[in-house]
Structures are given as structure tokens and as C-alpha cells.
Amino acid sequence: MDQYEYKVVSVQAIVSEGDIARGIAGEKIGSQVEISLCDLAKQGYEYYREFAVPVKVATGCFSKKIGRELTFVVMVFRRLVR
């Protein structure tokens, strides 16, 4: 059975309000994700899948109260262990 090494990276895309208004936000996001894909491919990783990870944000340093919830998208890559 094959064994894999995994790497997880968050999907971070930066666009401006102007990019959205001009209709180019999707293209910019795609370009930024493509850079991540290509960089990891050069290291021998292949894209495996993505996950939406719910995150609960605590209010204050020592607080156990949950202020809000966010969802982050992470991409999972893998490469064969030889």
C-alpha cells in the first residue's frame, strides 16, 4: 500500500473592491491559487482535496466565550513517500 506525506495550506486570496467591480476578482484569485499549486508541484506534491474548516473565535486572551465563527478553506497536497 502506498504511503503519502501530506501538506496543508490555507487558501488566501487578496482582491480589492475595485477588482470585484471590474469583474477581475475571480481571475486574480485563480492566479493566486495557481501559484500555490505550482510551487508545491515543484516540491513533488500533488493536489489531493480541499476542506472547509470551521473556526470558533474566542473573545479576549483568556476568555472561553465564543465571539464568532469563521470558515477557512484549506488545500491538502500529498506526495508519495519513497
C-alpha atoms as a PDB file:
ATOM      1  CA  MET A   1       0.000   0.000   0.000  1.00  0.00           C
ATOM      2  CA  ASP A   2       1.312   3.442  -0.922  1.00  0.00           C
ATOM      3  CA  GLN A   3       2.253   5.834   1.862  1.00  0.00           C
ATOM      4  CA  TYR A   4       1.967   9.583   1.489  1.00  0.00           C
ATOM      5  CA  GLU A   5       3.329  12.674   3.161  1.00  0.00           C
ATOM      6  CA  TYR A   6       0.765  15.489   3.387  1.00  0.00           C
ATOM      7  CA  LYS A   7       0.965  19.274   3.414  1.00  0.00           C
ATOM      8  CA  VAL A   8      -1.998  21.523   4.251  1.00  0.00           C
ATOM      9  CA  VAL A   9      -2.091  25.172   3.184  1.00  0.00           C
ATOM     10  CA  SER A  10      -4.790  27.757   3.656  1.00  0.00           C
ATOM     11  CA  VAL A  11      -6.337  29.347   0.616  1.00  0.00           C
ATOM     12  CA  GLN A  12      -5.593  33.043   0.872  1.00  0.00           C
ATOM     13  CA  ALA A  13      -6.653  35.327  -1.902  1.00  0.00           C
ATOM     14  CA  ILE A  14      -6.341  39.095  -1.903  1.00  0.00           C
ATOM     15  CA  VAL A  15      -8.608  41.245  -4.059  1.00  0.00           C
ATOM     16  CA  SER A  16      -9.812  44.818  -3.816  1.00  0.00           C
ATOM     17  CA  GLU A  17     -13.289  46.292  -4.089  1.00  0.00           C
ATOM     18  CA  GLY A  18     -12.147  47.665  -7.450  1.00  0.00           C
ATOM     19  CA  ASP A  19     -11.235  44.161  -8.650  1.00  0.00           C
ATOM     20  CA  ILE A  20     -14.740  42.998  -7.764  1.00  0.00           C
ATOM     21  CA  ALA A  21     -16.347  45.994  -9.505  1.00  0.00           C
ATOM     22  CA  ARG A  22     -14.257  45.417 -12.656  1.00  0.00           C
ATOM     23  CA  GLY A  23     -15.097  41.699 -12.675  1.00  0.00           C
ATOM     24  CA  ILE A  24     -11.488  40.535 -12.371  1.00  0.00           C
ATOM     25  CA  ALA A  25     -11.577  39.208  -8.784  1.00  0.00           C
ATOM     26  CA  GLY A  26     -12.112  35.597  -9.900  1.00  0.00           C
ATOM     27  CA  GLU A  27      -9.155  35.768 -12.267  1.00  0.00           C
ATOM     28  CA  LYS A  28      -6.896  37.201  -9.532  1.00  0.00           C
ATOM     29  CA  ILE A  29      -7.999  34.546  -7.034  1.00  0.00           C
ATOM     30  CA  GLY A  30      -7.380  31.803  -9.589  1.00  0.00           C
ATOM     31  CA  SER A  31      -3.919  33.190 -10.307  1.00  0.00           C
ATOM     32  CA  GLN A  32      -3.006  33.283  -6.610  1.00  0.00           C
ATOM     33  CA  VAL A  33      -4.186  29.692  -6.066  1.00  0.00           C
ATOM     34  CA  GLU A  34      -2.324  28.590  -9.204  1.00  0.00           C
ATOM     35  CA  ILE A  35       0.925  29.968  -7.766  1.00  0.00           C
ATOM     36  CA  SER A  36       0.458  27.783  -4.658  1.00  0.00           C
ATOM     37  CA  LEU A  37      -0.322  24.735  -6.794  1.00  0.00           C
ATOM     38  CA  CYS A  38       2.764  25.246  -8.976  1.00  0.00           C
ATOM     39  CA  ASP A  39       5.094  25.897  -6.029  1.00  0.00           C
ATOM     40  CA  LEU A  40       4.036  22.689  -4.286  1.00  0.00           C
ATOM     41  CA  ALA A  41       4.140  20.692  -7.538  1.00  0.00           C
ATOM     42  CA  LYS A  42       7.806  21.707  -7.884  1.00  0.00           C
ATOM     43  CA  GLN A  43       8.350  20.137  -4.441  1.00  0.00           C
ATOM     44  CA  GLY A  44       6.769  16.882  -5.634  1.00  0.00           C
ATOM     45  CA  TYR A  45       3.309  17.370  -4.114  1.00  0.00           C
ATOM     46  CA  GLU A  46       0.070  16.698  -5.946  1.00  0.00           C
ATOM     47  CA  TYR A  47      -3.259  18.309  -5.135  1.00  0.00           C
ATOM     48  CA  TYR A  48      -5.395  15.884  -3.138  1.00  0.00           C
ATOM     49  CA  ARG A  49      -8.509  17.764  -1.926  1.00  0.00           C
ATOM     50  CA  GLU A  50      -9.799  20.763  -0.011  1.00  0.00           C
ATOM     51  CA  PHE A  51     -11.626  21.149   3.273  1.00  0.00           C
ATOM     52  CA  ALA A  52     -13.753  23.894   4.773  1.00  0.00           C
ATOM     53  CA  VAL A  53     -12.642  24.210   8.399  1.00  0.00           C
ATOM     54  CA  PRO A  54     -14.997  25.942  10.854  1.00  0.00           C
ATOM     55  CA  VAL A  55     -13.105  28.070  13.375  1.00  0.00           C
ATOM     56  CA  LYS A  56     -14.547  29.438  16.607  1.00  0.00           C
ATOM     57  CA  VAL A  57     -13.011  32.755  17.628  1.00  0.00           C
ATOM     58  CA  ALA A  58     -12.715  33.388  21.365  1.00  0.00           C
ATOM     59  CA  THR A  59     -13.227  36.923  22.645  1.00  0.00           C
ATOM     60  CA  GLY A  60     -10.206  38.083  24.651  1.00  0.00           C
ATOM     61  CA  CYS A  61      -6.954  36.373  25.593  1.00  0.00           C
ATOM     62  CA  PHE A  62      -8.214  34.086  28.350  1.00  0.00           C
ATOM     63  CA  SER A  63     -11.903  34.048  27.509  1.00  0.00           C
ATOM     64  CA  LYS A  64     -13.821  30.873  26.899  1.00  0.00           C
ATOM     65  CA  LYS A  65     -16.663  32.816  25.259  1.00  0.00           C
ATOM     66  CA  ILE A  66     -17.006  32.323  21.536  1.00  0.00           C
ATOM     67  CA  GLY A  67     -17.380  35.631  19.734  1.00  0.00           C
ATOM     68  CA  ARG A  68     -17.979  34.421  16.203  1.00  0.00           C
ATOM     69  CA  GLU A  69     -17.376  31.585  13.795  1.00  0.00           C
ATOM     70  CA  LEU A  70     -15.413  31.750  10.575  1.00  0.00           C
ATOM     71  CA  THR A  71     -14.792  29.198   7.877  1.00  0.00           C
ATOM     72  CA  PHE A  72     -11.354  28.766   6.341  1.00  0.00           C
ATOM     73  CA  VAL A  73     -10.678  26.753   3.218  1.00  0.00           C
ATOM     74  CA  VAL A  74      -7.522  24.648   3.219  1.00  0.00           C
ATOM     75  CA  MET A  75      -5.987  22.709   0.358  1.00  0.00           C
ATOM     76  CA  VAL A  76      -4.400  19.323   1.020  1.00  0.00           C
ATOM     77  CA  PHE A  77      -1.444  18.139  -1.034  1.00  0.00           C
ATOM     78  CA  ARG A  78       0.365  14.840  -0.873  1.00  0.00           C
ATOM     79  CA  ARG A  79       3.473  13.201  -2.228  1.00  0.00           C
ATOM     80  CA  LEU A  80       4.489   9.593  -2.283  1.00  0.00           C
ATOM     81  CA  VAL A  81       6.987   8.546   0.377  1.00  0.00           C
ATOM     82  CA  ARG A  82       9.757   6.518  -1.223  1.00  0.00           C
END
